[in-house]
């Protein structure tokens, strides 16, 4: 584990943490990655990268929970929009 210093700064109405390119690389992170964090005892904050789900996973979950695809309704709405 490497020790890396970062700075907290104001970003609009929020706060942000500045990380170097080296820190991002070492952590396996990229700009735009989504992180979740946990506040632990002794003033420690643990960041974890959130695994992004593929679009097909959202579709599978939709149908798994009773979602239905209805050609008639989609075609009707498309015709009404003309």
PDB file of N, CA and C in Angstrom:
ATOM      1  N   UNK A   1       0.845  -1.172   0.000  1.00  0.00           N
ATOM      2  CA  UNK A   1       0.000   0.000   0.000  1.00  0.00           C
ATOM      3  C   UNK A   1       0.890   1.234   0.000  1.00  0.00           C
ATOM      4  N   UNK A   2       0.577   2.158  -0.871  1.00  0.00           N
ATOM      5  CA  UNK A   2       1.354   3.392  -0.972  1.00  0.00           C
ATOM      6  C   UNK A   2       0.662   4.517  -0.221  1.00  0.00           C
ATOM      7  N   UNK A   3       1.448   5.407   0.336  1.00  0.00           N
ATOM      8  CA  UNK A   3       0.899   6.596   0.974  1.00  0.00           C
ATOM      9  C   UNK A   3       0.852   7.699  -0.069  1.00  0.00           C
ATOM     10  N   UNK A   4      -0.337   8.250  -0.270  1.00  0.00           N
ATOM     11  CA  UNK A   4      -0.526   9.305  -1.262  1.00  0.00           C
ATOM     12  C   UNK A   4      -1.277  10.442  -0.589  1.00  0.00           C
ATOM     13  N   UNK A   5      -0.769  11.648  -0.706  1.00  0.00           N
ATOM     14  CA  UNK A   5      -1.440  12.813  -0.147  1.00  0.00           C
ATOM     15  C   UNK A   5      -2.351  13.435  -1.196  1.00  0.00           C
ATOM     16  N   UNK A   6      -3.531  13.841  -0.770  1.00  0.00           N
ATOM     17  CA  UNK A   6      -4.495  14.497  -1.642  1.00  0.00           C
ATOM     18  C   UNK A   6      -5.061  15.695  -0.914  1.00  0.00           C
ATOM     19  N   UNK A   7      -5.747  16.545  -1.682  1.00  0.00           N
ATOM     20  CA  UNK A   7      -6.302  17.755  -1.106  1.00  0.00           C
ATOM     21  C   UNK A   7      -7.806  17.789  -1.350  1.00  0.00           C
ATOM     22  N   UNK A   8      -8.555  18.220  -0.344  1.00  0.00           N
ATOM     23  CA  UNK A   8      -9.990  18.438  -0.490  1.00  0.00           C
ATOM     24  C   UNK A   8     -10.184  19.906  -0.852  1.00  0.00           C
ATOM     25  N   UNK A   9     -10.995  20.151  -1.884  1.00  0.00           N
ATOM     26  CA  UNK A   9     -11.241  21.531  -2.297  1.00  0.00           C
ATOM     27  C   UNK A   9     -12.714  21.732  -2.618  1.00  0.00           C
ATOM     28  N   UNK A  10     -13.128  22.992  -2.667  1.00  0.00           N
ATOM     29  CA  UNK A  10     -14.513  23.334  -2.972  1.00  0.00           C
ATOM     30  C   UNK A  10     -14.728  23.217  -4.470  1.00  0.00           C
ATOM     31  N   UNK A  11     -15.856  22.594  -4.849  1.00  0.00           N
ATOM     32  CA  UNK A  11     -16.209  22.408  -6.256  1.00  0.00           C
ATOM     33  C   UNK A  11     -17.685  22.760  -6.392  1.00  0.00           C
ATOM     34  N   UNK A  12     -17.972  24.002  -6.732  1.00  0.00           N
ATOM     35  CA  UNK A  12     -19.361  24.465  -6.763  1.00  0.00           C
ATOM     36  C   UNK A  12     -19.912  24.479  -5.354  1.00  0.00           C
ATOM     37  N   UNK A  13     -21.053  23.823  -5.144  1.00  0.00           N
ATOM     38  CA  UNK A  13     -21.637  23.721  -3.805  1.00  0.00           C
ATOM     39  C   UNK A  13     -21.189  22.459  -3.081  1.00  0.00           C
ATOM     40  N   UNK A  14     -20.273  21.723  -3.677  1.00  0.00           N
ATOM     41  CA  UNK A  14     -19.797  20.464  -3.103  1.00  0.00           C
ATOM     42  C   UNK A  14     -18.315  20.558  -2.783  1.00  0.00           C
ATOM     43  N   UNK A  15     -17.762  19.432  -2.358  1.00  0.00           N
ATOM     44  CA  UNK A  15     -16.329  19.316  -2.137  1.00  0.00           C
ATOM     45  C   UNK A  15     -15.829  18.167  -2.996  1.00  0.00           C
ATOM     46  N   UNK A  16     -14.550  18.227  -3.343  1.00  0.00           N
ATOM     47  CA  UNK A  16     -13.952  17.187  -4.179  1.00  0.00           C
ATOM     48  C   UNK A  16     -12.574  16.847  -3.634  1.00  0.00           C
ATOM     49  N   UNK A  17     -12.083  15.686  -4.029  1.00  0.00           N
ATOM     50  CA  UNK A  17     -10.746  15.247  -3.638  1.00  0.00           C
ATOM     51  C   UNK A  17      -9.895  15.177  -4.891  1.00  0.00           C
ATOM     52  N   UNK A  18      -8.745  15.782  -4.849  1.00  0.00           N
ATOM     53  CA  UNK A  18      -7.812  15.779  -5.972  1.00  0.00           C
ATOM     54  C   UNK A  18      -6.904  14.555  -5.875  1.00  0.00           C
ATOM     55  N   UNK A  19      -6.848  13.772  -6.965  1.00  0.00           N
ATOM     56  CA  UNK A  19      -5.967  12.601  -7.019  1.00  0.00           C
ATOM     57  C   UNK A  19      -5.041  12.722  -8.219  1.00  0.00           C
ATOM     58  N   UNK A  20      -3.802  12.333  -8.044  1.00  0.00           N
ATOM     59  CA  UNK A  20      -2.842  12.382  -9.144  1.00  0.00           C
ATOM     60  C   UNK A  20      -3.113  11.249 -10.134  1.00  0.00           C
ATOM     61  N   UNK A  21      -2.557  11.378 -11.342  1.00  0.00           N
ATOM     62  CA  UNK A  21      -2.688  10.312 -12.341  1.00  0.00           C
ATOM     63  C   UNK A  21      -2.089   9.012 -11.818  1.00  0.00           C
ATOM     64  N   UNK A  22      -0.978   9.130 -11.097  1.00  0.00           N
ATOM     65  CA  UNK A  22      -0.324   7.951 -10.548  1.00  0.00           C
ATOM     66  C   UNK A  22      -1.230   7.237  -9.539  1.00  0.00           C
ATOM     67  N   UNK A  23      -1.925   8.016  -8.705  1.00  0.00           N
ATOM     68  CA  UNK A  23      -2.832   7.423  -7.718  1.00  0.00           C
ATOM     69  C   UNK A  23      -3.983   6.710  -8.417  1.00  0.00           C
ATOM     70  N   UNK A  24      -4.544   7.335  -9.452  1.00  0.00           N
ATOM     71  CA  UNK A  24      -5.627   6.701 -10.208  1.00  0.00           C
ATOM     72  C   UNK A  24      -5.152   5.402 -10.836  1.00  0.00           C
ATOM     73  N   UNK A  25      -3.972   5.450 -11.442  1.00  0.00           N
ATOM     74  CA  UNK A  25      -3.421   4.264 -12.106  1.00  0.00           C
ATOM     75  C   UNK A  25      -3.190   3.132 -11.103  1.00  0.00           C
ATOM     76  N   UNK A  26      -2.582   3.469  -9.975  1.00  0.00           N
ATOM     77  CA  UNK A  26      -2.280   2.455  -8.960  1.00  0.00           C
ATOM     78  C   UNK A  26      -3.560   1.824  -8.399  1.00  0.00           C
ATOM     79  N   UNK A  27      -4.640   2.618  -8.307  1.00  0.00           N
ATOM     80  CA  UNK A  27      -5.911   2.114  -7.778  1.00  0.00           C
ATOM     81  C   UNK A  27      -6.769   1.453  -8.854  1.00  0.00           C
ATOM     82  N   UNK A  28      -6.323   1.520 -10.113  1.00  0.00           N
ATOM     83  CA  UNK A  28      -7.104   0.935 -11.198  1.00  0.00           C
ATOM     84  C   UNK A  28      -8.346   1.739 -11.529  1.00  0.00           C
ATOM     85  N   UNK A  29      -8.276   3.052 -11.332  1.00  0.00           N
ATOM     86  CA  UNK A  29      -9.419   3.927 -11.574  1.00  0.00           C
ATOM     87  C   UNK A  29      -9.201   4.785 -12.807  1.00  0.00           C
ATOM     88  N   UNK A  30     -10.305   5.244 -13.381  1.00  0.00           N
ATOM     89  CA  UNK A  30     -10.265   6.161 -14.518  1.00  0.00           C
ATOM     90  C   UNK A  30     -11.239   7.298 -14.258  1.00  0.00           C
ATOM     91  N   UNK A  31     -11.045   8.402 -14.942  1.00  0.00           N
ATOM     92  CA  UNK A  31     -11.972   9.522 -14.842  1.00  0.00           C
ATOM     93  C   UNK A  31     -13.356   9.037 -15.263  1.00  0.00           C
ATOM     94  N   UNK A  32     -14.356   9.344 -14.465  1.00  0.00           N
ATOM     95  CA  UNK A  32     -15.720   8.927 -14.758  1.00  0.00           C
ATOM     96  C   UNK A  32     -16.161   7.684 -14.006  1.00  0.00           C
ATOM     97  N   UNK A  33     -15.224   6.963 -13.371  1.00  0.00           N
ATOM     98  CA  UNK A  33     -15.597   5.787 -12.582  1.00  0.00           C
ATOM     99  C   UNK A  33     -16.491   6.213 -11.417  1.00  0.00           C
ATOM    100  N   UNK A  34     -17.405   5.349 -11.043  1.00  0.00           N
ATOM    101  CA  UNK A  34     -18.298   5.604  -9.918  1.00  0.00           C
ATOM    102  C   UNK A  34     -17.733   4.895  -8.693  1.00  0.00           C
ATOM    103  N   UNK A  35     -17.658   5.623  -7.583  1.00  0.00           N
ATOM    104  CA  UNK A  35     -17.118   5.073  -6.343  1.00  0.00           C
ATOM    105  C   UNK A  35     -18.171   5.111  -5.251  1.00  0.00           C
ATOM    106  N   UNK A  36     -18.140   4.115  -4.385  1.00  0.00           N
ATOM    107  CA  UNK A  36     -18.914   4.180  -3.150  1.00  0.00           C
ATOM    108  C   UNK A  36     -17.890   4.267  -2.030  1.00  0.00           C
ATOM    109  N   UNK A  37     -18.297   4.806  -0.896  1.00  0.00           N
ATOM    110  CA  UNK A  37     -17.331   4.923   0.188  1.00  0.00           C
ATOM    111  C   UNK A  37     -17.960   4.560   1.519  1.00  0.00           C
ATOM    112  N   UNK A  38     -17.090   4.148   2.411  1.00  0.00           N
ATOM    113  CA  UNK A  38     -17.480   3.742   3.756  1.00  0.00           C
ATOM    114  C   UNK A  38     -16.631   4.535   4.741  1.00  0.00           C
ATOM    115  N   UNK A  39     -17.264   5.082   5.746  1.00  0.00           N
ATOM    116  CA  UNK A  39     -16.532   5.805   6.785  1.00  0.00           C
ATOM    117  C   UNK A  39     -16.306   4.840   7.936  1.00  0.00           C
ATOM    118  N   UNK A  40     -15.035   4.618   8.242  1.00  0.00           N
ATOM    119  CA  UNK A  40     -14.659   3.684   9.295  1.00  0.00           C
ATOM    120  C   UNK A  40     -14.164   4.448  10.515  1.00  0.00           C
ATOM    121  N   UNK A  41     -13.896   3.703  11.563  1.00  0.00           N
ATOM    122  CA  UNK A  41     -13.358   4.315  12.777  1.00  0.00           C
ATOM    123  C   UNK A  41     -11.982   4.911  12.493  1.00  0.00           C
ATOM    124  N   UNK A  42     -11.516   5.729  13.398  1.00  0.00           N
ATOM    125  CA  UNK A  42     -10.186   6.343  13.311  1.00  0.00           C
ATOM    126  C   UNK A  42     -10.045   7.257  12.099  1.00  0.00           C
ATOM    127  N   UNK A  43     -11.130   7.933  11.693  1.00  0.00           N
ATOM    128  CA  UNK A  43     -11.098   8.901  10.590  1.00  0.00           C
ATOM    129  C   UNK A  43     -10.646   8.301   9.271  1.00  0.00           C
ATOM    130  N   UNK A  44     -11.003   7.055   9.015  1.00  0.00           N
ATOM    131  CA  UNK A  44     -10.636   6.401   7.760  1.00  0.00           C
ATOM    132  C   UNK A  44     -11.841   6.370   6.828  1.00  0.00           C
ATOM    133  N   UNK A  45     -11.584   6.627   5.551  1.00  0.00           N
ATOM    134  CA  UNK A  45     -12.616   6.520   4.523  1.00  0.00           C
ATOM    135  C   UNK A  45     -12.126   5.502   3.508  1.00  0.00           C
ATOM    136  N   UNK A  46     -12.941   4.499   3.240  1.00  0.00           N
ATOM    137  CA  UNK A  46     -12.598   3.447   2.295  1.00  0.00           C
ATOM    138  C   UNK A  46     -13.424   3.643   1.027  1.00  0.00           C
ATOM    139  N   UNK A  47     -12.744   3.812  -0.107  1.00  0.00           N
ATOM    140  CA  UNK A  47     -13.409   3.969  -1.395  1.00  0.00           C
ATOM    141  C   UNK A  47     -13.373   2.646  -2.141  1.00  0.00           C
ATOM    142  N   UNK A  48     -14.467   2.338  -2.826  1.00  0.00           N
ATOM    143  CA  UNK A  48     -14.549   1.106  -3.606  1.00  0.00           C
ATOM    144  C   UNK A  48     -15.201   1.431  -4.943  1.00  0.00           C
ATOM    145  N   UNK A  49     -14.587   0.948  -6.018  1.00  0.00           N
ATOM    146  CA  UNK A  49     -15.144   1.173  -7.348  1.00  0.00           C
ATOM    147  C   UNK A  49     -16.416   0.350  -7.504  1.00  0.00           C
ATOM    148  N   UNK A  50     -17.471   0.982  -8.002  1.00  0.00           N
ATOM    149  CA  UNK A  50     -18.736   0.304  -8.247  1.00  0.00           C
ATOM    150  C   UNK A  50     -18.663  -0.345  -9.620  1.00  0.00           C
ATOM    151  N   UNK A  51     -18.950  -1.636  -9.655  1.00  0.00           N
ATOM    152  CA  UNK A  51     -18.932  -2.343 -10.932  1.00  0.00           C
ATOM    153  C   UNK A  51     -20.115  -1.870 -11.761  1.00  0.00           C
ATOM    154  N   UNK A  52     -19.819  -1.387 -12.946  1.00  0.00           N
ATOM    155  CA  UNK A  52     -20.880  -0.927 -13.831  1.00  0.00           C
ATOM    156  C   UNK A  52     -21.494  -2.115 -14.542  1.00  0.00           C
ATOM    157  N   UNK A  53     -22.806  -2.140 -14.579  1.00  0.00           N
ATOM    158  CA  UNK A  53     -23.498  -3.249 -15.219  1.00  0.00           C
ATOM    159  C   UNK A  53     -23.687  -2.957 -16.702  1.00  0.00           C
ATOM    160  N   UNK A  54     -23.617  -4.008 -17.481  1.00  0.00           N
ATOM    161  CA  UNK A  54     -23.822  -3.891 -18.920  1.00  0.00           C
ATOM    162  C   UNK A  54     -25.306  -3.674 -19.204  1.00  0.00           C
ATOM    163  N   UNK A  55     -25.592  -3.047 -20.335  1.00  0.00           N
ATOM    164  CA  UNK A  55     -26.966  -2.763 -20.740  1.00  0.00           C
ATOM    165  C   UNK A  55     -27.795  -4.040 -20.790  1.00  0.00           C
ATOM    166  N   UNK A  56     -27.192  -5.134 -21.280  1.00  0.00           N
ATOM    167  CA  UNK A  56     -27.936  -6.393 -21.378  1.00  0.00           C
ATOM    168  C   UNK A  56     -28.358  -6.901 -20.002  1.00  0.00           C
ATOM    169  N   UNK A  57     -27.592  -6.583 -18.955  1.00  0.00           N
ATOM    170  CA  UNK A  57     -27.971  -6.985 -17.604  1.00  0.00           C
ATOM    171  C   UNK A  57     -29.231  -6.251 -17.142  1.00  0.00           C
ATOM    172  N   UNK A  58     -29.370  -4.974 -17.529  1.00  0.00           N
ATOM    173  CA  UNK A  58     -30.577  -4.227 -17.193  1.00  0.00           C
ATOM    174  C   UNK A  58     -31.795  -4.834 -17.888  1.00  0.00           C
ATOM    175  N   UNK A  59     -31.621  -5.237 -19.152  1.00  0.00           N
ATOM    176  CA  UNK A  59     -32.712  -5.845 -19.914  1.00  0.00           C
ATOM    177  C   UNK A  59     -33.133  -7.169 -19.272  1.00  0.00           C
ATOM    178  N   UNK A  60     -32.157  -8.012 -18.922  1.00  0.00           N
ATOM    179  CA  UNK A  60     -32.467  -9.294 -18.276  1.00  0.00           C
ATOM    180  C   UNK A  60     -33.230  -9.070 -16.972  1.00  0.00           C
ATOM    181  N   UNK A  61     -32.790  -8.119 -16.182  1.00  0.00           N
ATOM    182  CA  UNK A  61     -33.444  -7.844 -14.908  1.00  0.00           C
ATOM    183  C   UNK A  61     -34.865  -7.323 -15.123  1.00  0.00           C
ATOM    184  N   UNK A  62     -35.060  -6.512 -16.153  1.00  0.00           N
ATOM    185  CA  UNK A  62     -36.381  -5.980 -16.476  1.00  0.00           C
ATOM    186  C   UNK A  62     -37.363  -7.118 -16.735  1.00  0.00           C
ATOM    187  N   UNK A  63     -36.972  -8.051 -17.592  1.00  0.00           N
ATOM    188  CA  UNK A  63     -37.849  -9.177 -17.914  1.00  0.00           C
ATOM    189  C   UNK A  63     -38.004 -10.139 -16.738  1.00  0.00           C
ATOM    190  N   UNK A  64     -36.956 -10.293 -15.956  1.00  0.00           N
ATOM    191  CA  UNK A  64     -36.997 -11.182 -14.792  1.00  0.00           C
ATOM    192  C   UNK A  64     -38.052 -10.717 -13.786  1.00  0.00           C
ATOM    193  N   UNK A  65     -38.238  -9.403 -13.690  1.00  0.00           N
ATOM    194  CA  UNK A  65     -39.183  -8.844 -12.727  1.00  0.00           C
ATOM    195  C   UNK A  65     -40.538  -8.516 -13.355  1.00  0.00           C
ATOM    196  N   UNK A  66     -40.867  -9.175 -14.470  1.00  0.00           N
ATOM    197  CA  UNK A  66     -42.206  -9.051 -15.035  1.00  0.00           C
ATOM    198  C   UNK A  66     -42.370  -8.030 -16.132  1.00  0.00           C
ATOM    199  N   UNK A  67     -41.297  -7.420 -16.602  1.00  0.00           N
ATOM    200  CA  UNK A  67     -41.409  -6.460 -17.698  1.00  0.00           C
ATOM    201  C   UNK A  67     -41.861  -7.155 -18.965  1.00  0.00           C
ATOM    202  N   UNK A  68     -42.623  -6.460 -19.768  1.00  0.00           N
ATOM    203  CA  UNK A  68     -43.133  -7.055 -21.000  1.00  0.00           C
ATOM    204  C   UNK A  68     -42.853  -6.125 -22.170  1.00  0.00           C
ATOM    205  N   UNK A  69     -42.594  -6.726 -23.294  1.00  0.00           N
ATOM    206  CA  UNK A  69     -42.392  -5.993 -24.536  1.00  0.00           C
ATOM    207  C   UNK A  69     -43.645  -6.174 -25.374  1.00  0.00           C
ATOM    208  N   UNK A  70     -44.281  -5.069 -25.745  1.00  0.00           N
ATOM    209  CA  UNK A  70     -45.517  -5.160 -26.512  1.00  0.00           C
ATOM    210  C   UNK A  70     -45.364  -4.364 -27.804  1.00  0.00           C
ATOM    211  N   UNK A  71     -45.200  -5.079 -28.929  1.00  0.00           N
ATOM    212  CA  UNK A  71     -45.036  -4.435 -30.226  1.00  0.00           C
ATOM    213  C   UNK A  71     -46.190  -3.493 -30.545  1.00  0.00           C
ATOM    214  N   UNK A  72     -47.413  -3.914 -30.240  1.00  0.00           N
ATOM    215  CA  UNK A  72     -48.578  -3.121 -30.599  1.00  0.00           C
ATOM    216  C   UNK A  72     -48.527  -1.740 -29.954  1.00  0.00           C
ATOM    217  N   UNK A  73     -48.211  -1.691 -28.671  1.00  0.00           N
ATOM    218  CA  UNK A  73     -48.182  -0.421 -27.948  1.00  0.00           C
ATOM    219  C   UNK A  73     -47.066   0.469 -28.474  1.00  0.00           C
ATOM    220  N   UNK A  74     -45.917  -0.104 -28.748  1.00  0.00           N
ATOM    221  CA  UNK A  74     -44.795   0.683 -29.258  1.00  0.00           C
ATOM    222  C   UNK A  74     -45.131   1.242 -30.630  1.00  0.00           C
ATOM    223  N   UNK A  75     -45.699   0.424 -31.503  1.00  0.00           N
ATOM    224  CA  UNK A  75     -46.070   0.893 -32.836  1.00  0.00           C
ATOM    225  C   UNK A  75     -47.153   1.961 -32.761  1.00  0.00           C
ATOM    226  N   UNK A  76     -48.112   1.820 -31.852  1.00  0.00           N
ATOM    227  CA  UNK A  76     -49.182   2.793 -31.687  1.00  0.00           C
ATOM    228  C   UNK A  76     -48.606   4.136 -31.250  1.00  0.00           C
ATOM    229  N   UNK A  77     -47.707   4.125 -30.282  1.00  0.00           N
ATOM    230  CA  UNK A  77     -47.100   5.363 -29.803  1.00  0.00           C
ATOM    231  C   UNK A  77     -46.256   6.008 -30.882  1.00  0.00           C
ATOM    232  N   UNK A  78     -45.589   5.212 -31.708  1.00  0.00           N
ATOM    233  CA  UNK A  78     -44.782   5.754 -32.800  1.00  0.00           C
ATOM    234  C   UNK A  78     -45.680   6.443 -33.820  1.00  0.00           C
ATOM    235  N   UNK A  79     -46.847   5.853 -34.131  1.00  0.00           N
ATOM    236  CA  UNK A  79     -47.776   6.449 -35.088  1.00  0.00           C
ATOM    237  C   UNK A  79     -48.361   7.749 -34.553  1.00  0.00           C
ATOM    238  N   UNK A  80     -48.648   7.806 -33.256  1.00  0.00           N
ATOM    239  CA  UNK A  80     -49.224   9.005 -32.656  1.00  0.00           C
ATOM    240  C   UNK A  80     -48.243  10.163 -32.672  1.00  0.00           C
ATOM    241  N   UNK A  81     -46.959   9.874 -32.690  1.00  0.00           N
ATOM    242  CA  UNK A  81     -45.945  10.918 -32.669  1.00  0.00           C
ATOM    243  C   UNK A  81     -45.702  11.566 -34.018  1.00  0.00           C
ATOM    244  N   UNK A  82     -46.321  11.048 -35.084  1.00  0.00           N
ATOM    245  CA  UNK A  82     -46.086  11.603 -36.424  1.00  0.00           C
ATOM    246  C   UNK A  82     -46.819  12.888 -36.642  1.00  0.00           C
TER     247      UNK A  82
END
